[in-house]
Amino acid sequence: MTDEHQPRRDEDQKEFAEEHASLFKITLGPLIWAAHFVACYGLVAVTCAKGWDIDAVRSGLLVASGAALVGIGWVGWVAWRQWNVAQTGDFVNRCGRAEDRHHFLGHAAFLLSIISAIGVVFVSLPLVLIGGCQ
């Protein structure tokens, strides 16, 4: 800590709150993907076992897939803004400053959002491509 000052208590609490929110953003994209996965495969399995109308369930799950993609897209957009690569031009964030850690957490959340969106698309493909039960 050569050029930096010791943080005051309110600065320290603000930084902790921002990093806590960043950690929540990292988990939110994969959590939406996991909930979507369980809902799709679980509901289709129950529908086929009980003999319910698969077309109605398929329509509802496709709407849920769209909602999951919108949610993941929102998380990705917020993470992109936190990463702030457009203004800083720093893709790597090599320094160990608090600002670099904040940008890195945004970067990680953005990449996890991309992976989660791909996961939602792949989980939704059987809803579109497979005709029904059996």
N, C-alpha and C. Protein backbone atom coordinates (compact mmCIF):
# COMPACT_ATOMS: atom_id res chain seq x y z
N MET A 1 0.83 -1.18 0.00
CA MET A 1 0.00 0.00 0.00
C MET A 1 0.88 1.24 0.00
N THR A 2 1.44 1.55 -1.09
CA THR A 2 2.31 2.71 -1.15
C THR A 2 1.54 3.98 -1.42
N ASP A 3 0.75 4.01 -2.46
CA ASP A 3 0.04 5.23 -2.83
C ASP A 3 -1.41 5.25 -2.32
N GLU A 4 -1.88 4.15 -1.81
CA GLU A 4 -3.27 4.07 -1.40
C GLU A 4 -3.41 4.46 0.07
N HIS A 5 -4.56 5.00 0.40
CA HIS A 5 -4.84 5.35 1.79
C HIS A 5 -5.59 4.20 2.45
N GLN A 6 -5.57 4.18 3.76
CA GLN A 6 -6.32 3.17 4.47
C GLN A 6 -7.81 3.49 4.32
N PRO A 7 -8.61 2.52 3.94
CA PRO A 7 -10.03 2.80 3.74
C PRO A 7 -10.73 3.09 5.07
N ARG A 8 -11.66 4.03 4.99
CA ARG A 8 -12.50 4.31 6.16
C ARG A 8 -13.53 3.19 6.28
N ARG A 9 -14.18 3.16 7.41
CA ARG A 9 -15.14 2.09 7.66
C ARG A 9 -16.29 2.10 6.65
N ASP A 10 -16.82 3.27 6.32
CA ASP A 10 -17.93 3.32 5.36
C ASP A 10 -17.47 2.94 3.95
N GLU A 11 -16.24 3.29 3.57
CA GLU A 11 -15.71 2.87 2.27
C GLU A 11 -15.55 1.36 2.22
N ASP A 12 -15.05 0.82 3.33
CA ASP A 12 -14.84 -0.63 3.41
C ASP A 12 -16.17 -1.37 3.32
N GLN A 13 -17.19 -0.88 3.98
CA GLN A 13 -18.51 -1.52 3.93
C GLN A 13 -19.13 -1.41 2.55
N LYS A 14 -18.93 -0.28 1.88
CA LYS A 14 -19.46 -0.11 0.53
C LYS A 14 -18.78 -1.09 -0.44
N GLU A 15 -17.45 -1.21 -0.31
CA GLU A 15 -16.73 -2.14 -1.18
C GLU A 15 -17.17 -3.57 -0.93
N PHE A 16 -17.38 -3.94 0.35
CA PHE A 16 -17.84 -5.29 0.66
C PHE A 16 -19.22 -5.54 0.07
N ALA A 17 -20.11 -4.56 0.14
CA ALA A 17 -21.45 -4.72 -0.42
C ALA A 17 -21.40 -4.89 -1.93
N GLU A 18 -20.53 -4.14 -2.61
CA GLU A 18 -20.40 -4.27 -4.06
C GLU A 18 -19.86 -5.65 -4.43
N GLU A 19 -18.88 -6.14 -3.69
CA GLU A 19 -18.33 -7.46 -4.00
C GLU A 19 -19.32 -8.56 -3.66
N HIS A 20 -20.10 -8.37 -2.64
CA HIS A 20 -21.15 -9.34 -2.32
C HIS A 20 -22.16 -9.42 -3.45
N ALA A 21 -22.54 -8.28 -4.00
CA ALA A 21 -23.47 -8.25 -5.15
C ALA A 21 -22.82 -8.89 -6.37
N SER A 22 -21.51 -8.69 -6.54
CA SER A 22 -20.80 -9.30 -7.67
C SER A 22 -20.78 -10.81 -7.55
N LEU A 23 -20.58 -11.32 -6.36
CA LEU A 23 -20.60 -12.77 -6.17
C LEU A 23 -21.99 -13.34 -6.41
N PHE A 24 -23.01 -12.58 -6.07
CA PHE A 24 -24.38 -13.01 -6.36
C PHE A 24 -24.60 -13.07 -7.87
N LYS A 25 -24.06 -12.07 -8.60
CA LYS A 25 -24.21 -12.05 -10.06
C LYS A 25 -23.52 -13.25 -10.70
N ILE A 26 -22.40 -13.66 -10.15
CA ILE A 26 -21.70 -14.82 -10.70
C ILE A 26 -22.56 -16.07 -10.61
N THR A 27 -23.28 -16.23 -9.53
CA THR A 27 -24.08 -17.44 -9.35
C THR A 27 -25.46 -17.36 -10.00
N LEU A 28 -25.93 -16.17 -10.32
CA LEU A 28 -27.31 -16.03 -10.80
C LEU A 28 -27.53 -16.65 -12.18
N GLY A 29 -26.62 -16.45 -13.13
CA GLY A 29 -26.78 -17.04 -14.46
C GLY A 29 -26.85 -18.56 -14.43
N PRO A 30 -25.86 -19.23 -13.81
CA PRO A 30 -25.94 -20.69 -13.71
C PRO A 30 -27.13 -21.17 -12.89
N LEU A 31 -27.56 -20.39 -11.91
CA LEU A 31 -28.73 -20.78 -11.13
C LEU A 31 -30.00 -20.77 -11.99
N ILE A 32 -30.15 -19.77 -12.83
CA ILE A 32 -31.29 -19.72 -13.76
C ILE A 32 -31.24 -20.91 -14.70
N TRP A 33 -30.05 -21.21 -15.21
CA TRP A 33 -29.88 -22.36 -16.11
C TRP A 33 -30.26 -23.66 -15.39
N ALA A 34 -29.80 -23.84 -14.16
CA ALA A 34 -30.08 -25.08 -13.42
C ALA A 34 -31.57 -25.21 -13.13
N ALA A 35 -32.22 -24.12 -12.74
CA ALA A 35 -33.66 -24.17 -12.48
C ALA A 35 -34.42 -24.50 -13.76
N HIS A 36 -33.98 -23.92 -14.87
CA HIS A 36 -34.61 -24.20 -16.17
C HIS A 36 -34.42 -25.68 -16.54
N PHE A 37 -33.24 -26.21 -16.33
CA PHE A 37 -32.94 -27.61 -16.64
C PHE A 37 -33.86 -28.54 -15.84
N VAL A 38 -33.94 -28.31 -14.54
CA VAL A 38 -34.76 -29.16 -13.68
C VAL A 38 -36.24 -29.05 -14.06
N ALA A 39 -36.69 -27.83 -14.33
CA ALA A 39 -38.10 -27.64 -14.70
C ALA A 39 -38.43 -28.35 -16.01
N CYS A 40 -37.57 -28.19 -17.01
CA CYS A 40 -37.85 -28.80 -18.32
C CYS A 40 -37.85 -30.32 -18.25
N TYR A 41 -36.76 -30.89 -17.76
CA TYR A 41 -36.68 -32.35 -17.77
C TYR A 41 -37.64 -32.97 -16.77
N GLY A 42 -37.82 -32.34 -15.62
CA GLY A 42 -38.76 -32.88 -14.64
C GLY A 42 -40.20 -32.83 -15.11
N LEU A 43 -40.60 -31.69 -15.66
CA LEU A 43 -41.99 -31.55 -16.10
C LEU A 43 -42.30 -32.43 -17.30
N VAL A 44 -41.36 -32.58 -18.21
CA VAL A 44 -41.59 -33.47 -19.36
C VAL A 44 -41.67 -34.92 -18.89
N ALA A 45 -40.84 -35.31 -17.94
CA ALA A 45 -40.89 -36.69 -17.42
C ALA A 45 -42.23 -36.96 -16.74
N VAL A 46 -42.70 -36.03 -15.94
CA VAL A 46 -43.99 -36.21 -15.27
C VAL A 46 -45.12 -36.20 -16.29
N THR A 47 -45.03 -35.33 -17.27
CA THR A 47 -46.06 -35.26 -18.31
C THR A 47 -46.16 -36.57 -19.07
N CYS A 48 -45.04 -37.13 -19.44
CA CYS A 48 -45.07 -38.40 -20.18
C CYS A 48 -45.54 -39.56 -19.29
N ALA A 49 -45.17 -39.54 -18.01
CA ALA A 49 -45.58 -40.61 -17.11
C ALA A 49 -47.08 -40.55 -16.80
N LYS A 50 -47.62 -39.36 -16.68
CA LYS A 50 -49.03 -39.20 -16.33
C LYS A 50 -49.95 -39.13 -17.54
N GLY A 51 -49.39 -38.97 -18.73
CA GLY A 51 -50.21 -38.90 -19.93
C GLY A 51 -50.88 -37.56 -20.14
N TRP A 52 -50.28 -36.50 -19.63
CA TRP A 52 -50.83 -35.16 -19.81
C TRP A 52 -50.58 -34.68 -21.23
N ASP A 53 -51.16 -33.55 -21.57
CA ASP A 53 -51.03 -32.96 -22.90
C ASP A 53 -49.62 -32.40 -23.08
N ILE A 54 -48.83 -33.05 -23.90
CA ILE A 54 -47.43 -32.65 -24.08
C ILE A 54 -47.31 -31.33 -24.83
N ASP A 55 -48.26 -31.05 -25.70
CA ASP A 55 -48.18 -29.79 -26.46
C ASP A 55 -48.35 -28.57 -25.57
N ALA A 56 -49.25 -28.65 -24.60
CA ALA A 56 -49.44 -27.53 -23.68
C ALA A 56 -48.21 -27.35 -22.80
N VAL A 57 -47.65 -28.46 -22.33
CA VAL A 57 -46.44 -28.39 -21.50
C VAL A 57 -45.28 -27.85 -22.33
N ARG A 58 -45.15 -28.29 -23.56
CA ARG A 58 -44.08 -27.81 -24.44
C ARG A 58 -44.19 -26.29 -24.64
N SER A 59 -45.39 -25.82 -24.89
CA SER A 59 -45.58 -24.37 -25.08
C SER A 59 -45.19 -23.58 -23.83
N GLY A 60 -45.63 -24.07 -22.69
CA GLY A 60 -45.28 -23.41 -21.44
C GLY A 60 -43.78 -23.41 -21.18
N LEU A 61 -43.13 -24.52 -21.48
CA LEU A 61 -41.68 -24.60 -21.26
C LEU A 61 -40.92 -23.74 -22.26
N LEU A 62 -41.43 -23.59 -23.45
CA LEU A 62 -40.76 -22.68 -24.40
C LEU A 62 -40.87 -21.23 -23.95
N VAL A 63 -42.01 -20.88 -23.36
CA VAL A 63 -42.15 -19.53 -22.79
C VAL A 63 -41.19 -19.37 -21.61
N ALA A 64 -41.09 -20.41 -20.77
CA ALA A 64 -40.16 -20.37 -19.64
C ALA A 64 -38.71 -20.28 -20.13
N SER A 65 -38.42 -20.93 -21.26
CA SER A 65 -37.07 -20.85 -21.83
C SER A 65 -36.76 -19.43 -22.28
N GLY A 66 -37.74 -18.79 -22.90
CA GLY A 66 -37.56 -17.39 -23.29
C GLY A 66 -37.34 -16.50 -22.08
N ALA A 67 -38.10 -16.74 -21.02
CA ALA A 67 -37.93 -15.94 -19.80
C ALA A 67 -36.56 -16.19 -19.17
N ALA A 68 -36.08 -17.44 -19.21
CA ALA A 68 -34.75 -17.74 -18.68
C ALA A 68 -33.67 -17.04 -19.49
N LEU A 69 -33.83 -17.01 -20.81
CA LEU A 69 -32.85 -16.32 -21.65
C LEU A 69 -32.86 -14.81 -21.39
N VAL A 70 -34.04 -14.25 -21.17
CA VAL A 70 -34.11 -12.82 -20.85
C VAL A 70 -33.43 -12.54 -19.50
N GLY A 71 -33.67 -13.39 -18.51
CA GLY A 71 -33.03 -13.22 -17.21
C GLY A 71 -31.52 -13.34 -17.29
N ILE A 72 -31.04 -14.33 -18.02
CA ILE A 72 -29.60 -14.51 -18.19
C ILE A 72 -29.01 -13.36 -18.99
N GLY A 73 -29.75 -12.89 -19.99
CA GLY A 73 -29.28 -11.73 -20.76
C GLY A 73 -29.15 -10.49 -19.89
N TRP A 74 -30.10 -10.30 -18.98
CA TRP A 74 -30.01 -9.15 -18.07
C TRP A 74 -28.79 -9.27 -17.16
N VAL A 75 -28.56 -10.47 -16.61
CA VAL A 75 -27.38 -10.68 -15.77
C VAL A 75 -26.11 -10.42 -16.56
N GLY A 76 -26.07 -10.90 -17.81
CA GLY A 76 -24.90 -10.68 -18.66
C GLY A 76 -24.68 -9.20 -18.95
N TRP A 77 -25.75 -8.46 -19.18
CA TRP A 77 -25.62 -7.02 -19.46
C TRP A 77 -25.09 -6.27 -18.23
N VAL A 78 -25.62 -6.59 -17.07
CA VAL A 78 -25.15 -5.95 -15.84
C VAL A 78 -23.69 -6.31 -15.59
N ALA A 79 -23.32 -7.55 -15.84
CA ALA A 79 -21.93 -7.98 -15.65
C ALA A 79 -21.02 -7.30 -16.67
N TRP A 80 -21.47 -7.13 -17.89
CA TRP A 80 -20.67 -6.44 -18.92
C TRP A 80 -20.39 -5.00 -18.48
N ARG A 81 -21.41 -4.35 -17.94
CA ARG A 81 -21.22 -2.97 -17.47
C ARG A 81 -20.27 -2.93 -16.28
N GLN A 82 -20.32 -3.94 -15.42
CA GLN A 82 -19.39 -3.98 -14.28
C GLN A 82 -17.97 -4.26 -14.75
N TRP A 83 -17.80 -5.10 -15.75
CA TRP A 83 -16.48 -5.41 -16.27
C TRP A 83 -15.83 -4.14 -16.82
N ASN A 84 -16.63 -3.30 -17.48
CA ASN A 84 -16.22 -1.97 -17.91
C ASN A 84 -15.04 -2.00 -18.87
N VAL A 85 -14.99 -3.00 -19.72
CA VAL A 85 -13.87 -3.13 -20.65
C VAL A 85 -13.92 -2.07 -21.75
N ALA A 86 -15.09 -1.56 -22.05
CA ALA A 86 -15.21 -0.56 -23.11
C ALA A 86 -14.53 0.75 -22.71
N GLN A 87 -14.58 1.10 -21.43
CA GLN A 87 -13.97 2.35 -20.98
C GLN A 87 -12.53 2.17 -20.55
N THR A 88 -12.22 1.06 -19.89
CA THR A 88 -10.86 0.87 -19.39
C THR A 88 -9.93 0.29 -20.44
N GLY A 89 -10.46 -0.52 -21.35
CA GLY A 89 -9.62 -1.17 -22.35
C GLY A 89 -8.74 -2.26 -21.77
N ASP A 90 -8.97 -2.60 -20.52
CA ASP A 90 -8.14 -3.60 -19.83
C ASP A 90 -8.90 -4.92 -19.80
N PHE A 91 -8.46 -5.87 -20.63
CA PHE A 91 -9.12 -7.17 -20.70
C PHE A 91 -8.66 -8.11 -19.59
N VAL A 92 -7.51 -7.84 -19.00
CA VAL A 92 -6.87 -8.81 -18.12
C VAL A 92 -6.99 -8.46 -16.64
N ASN A 93 -6.85 -7.21 -16.26
CA ASN A 93 -6.87 -6.76 -14.88
C ASN A 93 -5.82 -7.47 -14.03
N ARG A 94 -4.57 -7.25 -14.34
CA ARG A 94 -3.47 -7.95 -13.67
C ARG A 94 -3.19 -7.44 -12.26
N CYS A 95 -3.45 -6.18 -12.02
CA CYS A 95 -3.15 -5.61 -10.70
C CYS A 95 -4.13 -6.15 -9.67
N GLY A 96 -3.71 -6.11 -8.43
CA GLY A 96 -4.54 -6.66 -7.36
C GLY A 96 -5.36 -5.61 -6.64
N ARG A 97 -5.63 -4.50 -7.28
CA ARG A 97 -6.41 -3.45 -6.63
C ARG A 97 -7.87 -3.88 -6.52
N ALA A 98 -8.58 -3.20 -5.64
CA ALA A 98 -10.00 -3.52 -5.44
C ALA A 98 -10.80 -3.30 -6.72
N GLU A 99 -10.45 -2.26 -7.48
CA GLU A 99 -11.15 -1.98 -8.73
C GLU A 99 -10.92 -3.10 -9.74
N ASP A 100 -9.71 -3.64 -9.79
CA ASP A 100 -9.42 -4.75 -10.70
C ASP A 100 -10.20 -6.00 -10.31
N ARG A 101 -10.30 -6.26 -9.02
CA ARG A 101 -11.09 -7.41 -8.57
C ARG A 101 -12.56 -7.22 -8.93
N HIS A 102 -13.05 -6.01 -8.79
CA HIS A 102 -14.44 -5.70 -9.13
C HIS A 102 -14.68 -5.95 -10.63
N HIS A 103 -13.75 -5.50 -11.47
CA HIS A 103 -13.88 -5.72 -12.91
C HIS A 103 -13.77 -7.21 -13.25
N PHE A 104 -12.87 -7.92 -12.57
CA PHE A 104 -12.72 -9.35 -12.82
C PHE A 104 -14.00 -10.11 -12.49
N LEU A 105 -14.65 -9.77 -11.39
CA LEU A 105 -15.90 -10.44 -11.04
C LEU A 105 -16.98 -10.18 -12.08
N GLY A 106 -16.99 -8.97 -12.64
CA GLY A 106 -17.91 -8.70 -13.74
C GLY A 106 -17.58 -9.52 -14.97
N HIS A 107 -16.29 -9.66 -15.26
CA HIS A 107 -15.84 -10.47 -16.39
C HIS A 107 -16.28 -11.92 -16.21
N ALA A 108 -16.06 -12.47 -15.01
CA ALA A 108 -16.43 -13.86 -14.74
C ALA A 108 -17.94 -14.05 -14.85
N ALA A 109 -18.72 -13.11 -14.32
CA ALA A 109 -20.18 -13.22 -14.39
C ALA A 109 -20.66 -13.13 -15.84
N PHE A 110 -20.01 -12.28 -16.64
CA PHE A 110 -20.37 -12.16 -18.06
C PHE A 110 -20.13 -13.48 -18.80
N LEU A 111 -18.97 -14.08 -18.58
CA LEU A 111 -18.66 -15.35 -19.25
C LEU A 111 -19.58 -16.47 -18.78
N LEU A 112 -19.90 -16.50 -17.50
CA LEU A 112 -20.84 -17.51 -17.01
C LEU A 112 -22.25 -17.29 -17.57
N SER A 113 -22.61 -16.07 -17.84
CA SER A 113 -23.91 -15.79 -18.47
C SER A 113 -23.95 -16.34 -19.88
N ILE A 114 -22.85 -16.20 -20.61
CA ILE A 114 -22.79 -16.76 -21.97
C ILE A 114 -22.94 -18.28 -21.93
N ILE A 115 -22.21 -18.92 -21.02
CA ILE A 115 -22.29 -20.38 -20.90
C ILE A 115 -23.71 -20.80 -20.49
N SER A 116 -24.32 -20.06 -19.59
CA SER A 116 -25.68 -20.38 -19.13
C SER A 116 -26.70 -20.22 -20.25
N ALA A 117 -26.54 -19.19 -21.07
CA ALA A 117 -27.46 -18.99 -22.20
C ALA A 117 -27.33 -20.14 -23.20
N ILE A 118 -26.11 -20.58 -23.46
CA ILE A 118 -25.91 -21.73 -24.35
C ILE A 118 -26.56 -22.97 -23.75
N GLY A 119 -26.43 -23.15 -22.44
CA GLY A 119 -27.06 -24.28 -21.76
C GLY A 119 -28.57 -24.26 -21.88
N VAL A 120 -29.18 -23.10 -21.74
CA VAL A 120 -30.64 -22.99 -21.86
C VAL A 120 -31.07 -23.34 -23.28
N VAL A 121 -30.33 -22.87 -24.27
CA VAL A 121 -30.67 -23.18 -25.66
C VAL A 121 -30.59 -24.69 -25.90
N PHE A 122 -29.53 -25.33 -25.41
CA PHE A 122 -29.39 -26.76 -25.63
C PHE A 122 -30.43 -27.58 -24.86
N VAL A 123 -30.84 -27.13 -23.69
CA VAL A 123 -31.89 -27.83 -22.95
C VAL A 123 -33.23 -27.65 -23.65
N SER A 124 -33.42 -26.52 -24.34
CA SER A 124 -34.68 -26.25 -25.03
C SER A 124 -34.79 -26.95 -26.38
N LEU A 125 -33.70 -27.38 -26.96
CA LEU A 125 -33.74 -28.02 -28.28
C LEU A 125 -34.64 -29.25 -28.32
N PRO A 126 -34.62 -30.16 -27.32
CA PRO A 126 -35.54 -31.29 -27.40
C PRO A 126 -37.01 -30.89 -27.40
N LEU A 127 -37.33 -29.76 -26.79
CA LEU A 127 -38.72 -29.30 -26.82
C LEU A 127 -39.18 -28.98 -28.23
N VAL A 128 -38.26 -28.52 -29.05
CA VAL A 128 -38.58 -28.14 -30.42
C VAL A 128 -38.44 -29.33 -31.37
N LEU A 129 -37.44 -30.17 -31.16
CA LEU A 129 -37.09 -31.21 -32.15
C LEU A 129 -37.78 -32.54 -31.92
N ILE A 130 -38.14 -32.87 -30.68
CA ILE A 130 -38.73 -34.18 -30.42
C ILE A 130 -40.25 -34.03 -30.42
N GLY A 131 -40.92 -34.94 -31.12
CA GLY A 131 -42.36 -34.83 -31.32
C GLY A 131 -43.18 -35.04 -30.07
N GLY A 132 -42.85 -36.00 -29.26
CA GLY A 132 -43.67 -36.26 -28.06
C GLY A 132 -43.05 -37.35 -27.23
N CYS A 133 -43.87 -37.93 -26.37
CA CYS A 133 -43.40 -38.99 -25.49
C CYS A 133 -43.20 -40.29 -26.27
N GLN A 134 -42.40 -41.19 -25.74
CA GLN A 134 -42.13 -42.52 -26.28
C GLN A 134 -40.91 -42.57 -27.05
